Amino acid sequence: MARESPLALVTSEDSRETAENTAATCHFAHCGDAAKTPALLGERDIRTLLEHYKGLASKAEAEQFYALRPKVADGDWK
C-alpha cells in the first residue's frame, strides 16, 4: 500500500495540529535526530516521536517539504 506524501498535508486548509504533525514528521526525517525534534515541539518524550512520526516521511520528502515557498499574489517579494 502506497503512503500519502506528507506534502499533501500542507496543500489543504488543515488544523494547527496537522501542521505540527507535518513539521515533526519532516524535521525528524530530515535531521534523523530523535532528541532535536521533540525539543523543536516543546516535548521531552522521545518515545512519542518514535511511535508517531518515525518512518512517515523519507529524507527526500522532507527536503521537498522544506523547499516549499509561498506563492506571492503579484509575483514579486517587494
Protein backbone atom coordinates (compact mmCIF):
# COMPACT_ATOMS: atom_id res chain seq x y z
CA MET A 1 0.00 0.00 0.00
CA ALA A 2 1.43 3.36 -1.01
CA ARG A 3 1.51 6.01 1.68
CA GLU A 4 0.48 9.58 1.09
CA SER A 5 3.28 12.10 0.93
CA PRO A 6 3.41 14.49 3.89
CA LEU A 7 3.44 17.25 1.29
CA ALA A 8 -0.23 16.55 0.64
CA LEU A 9 -0.98 17.67 4.19
CA VAL A 10 0.16 21.24 3.60
CA THR A 11 -1.90 21.85 0.46
CA SER A 12 -5.29 21.92 2.17
CA GLU A 13 -6.69 24.04 4.98
CA ASP A 14 -5.90 21.87 7.97
CA SER A 15 -5.67 22.42 11.68
CA ARG A 16 -2.67 23.60 13.63
CA GLU A 17 -2.26 20.04 14.90
CA THR A 18 -1.86 18.73 11.37
CA ALA A 19 0.73 21.41 10.62
CA GLU A 20 2.64 20.50 13.78
CA ASN A 21 2.49 16.79 12.92
CA THR A 22 3.78 17.50 9.42
CA ALA A 23 6.58 19.66 10.80
CA ALA A 24 7.58 16.94 13.28
CA THR A 25 7.47 14.20 10.65
CA CYS A 26 9.57 16.16 8.17
CA HIS A 27 12.01 17.50 10.76
CA PHE A 28 12.71 14.01 12.08
CA ALA A 29 13.06 12.56 8.57
CA HIS A 30 15.39 15.40 7.57
CA CYS A 31 17.68 15.55 10.60
CA GLY A 32 17.27 11.97 11.89
CA ASP A 33 17.97 13.17 15.44
CA ALA A 34 15.45 11.80 17.92
CA ALA A 35 16.44 14.41 20.53
CA LYS A 36 16.20 17.54 18.36
CA THR A 37 12.67 17.05 17.03
CA PRO A 38 10.90 16.76 20.40
CA ALA A 39 12.81 19.86 21.54
CA LEU A 40 11.53 21.74 18.50
CA LEU A 41 7.97 20.83 19.50
CA GLY A 42 8.45 21.58 23.18
CA GLU A 43 8.18 17.90 24.03
CA ARG A 44 10.51 15.87 26.20
CA ASP A 45 9.33 12.37 25.38
CA ILE A 46 11.32 10.74 22.58
CA ARG A 47 9.01 7.70 22.70
CA THR A 48 6.12 9.78 21.33
CA LEU A 49 8.28 10.85 18.40
CA LEU A 50 9.35 7.30 17.63
CA GLU A 51 5.81 5.93 17.95
CA HIS A 52 4.02 8.59 15.91
CA TYR A 53 6.45 10.19 13.44
CA LYS A 54 9.32 7.83 12.65
CA GLY A 55 9.18 6.46 9.13
CA LEU A 56 6.24 8.57 7.92
CA ALA A 57 8.40 10.57 5.52
CA SER A 58 11.62 9.89 3.69
CA LYS A 59 14.54 12.30 3.75
CA ALA A 60 13.75 13.20 0.11
CA GLU A 61 10.14 14.04 1.05
CA ALA A 62 11.37 16.17 3.95
CA GLU A 63 13.68 18.06 1.59
CA GLN A 64 10.71 18.72 -0.71
CA PHE A 65 8.72 19.96 2.28
CA TYR A 66 11.48 22.38 3.28
CA ALA A 67 11.77 23.60 -0.32
CA LEU A 68 8.14 24.76 -0.34
CA ARG A 69 7.72 28.51 -0.70
CA PRO A 70 4.52 30.55 -0.52
CA LYS A 71 3.06 31.97 -3.69
CA VAL A 72 3.14 35.74 -3.89
CA ALA A 73 -0.01 37.39 -5.25
CA ASP A 74 1.74 39.79 -7.60
CA GLY A 75 4.76 37.58 -8.27
CA ASP A 76 7.14 39.95 -6.51
CA TRP A 77 8.52 39.98 -2.95
CA LYS A 78 8.75 43.82 -2.68
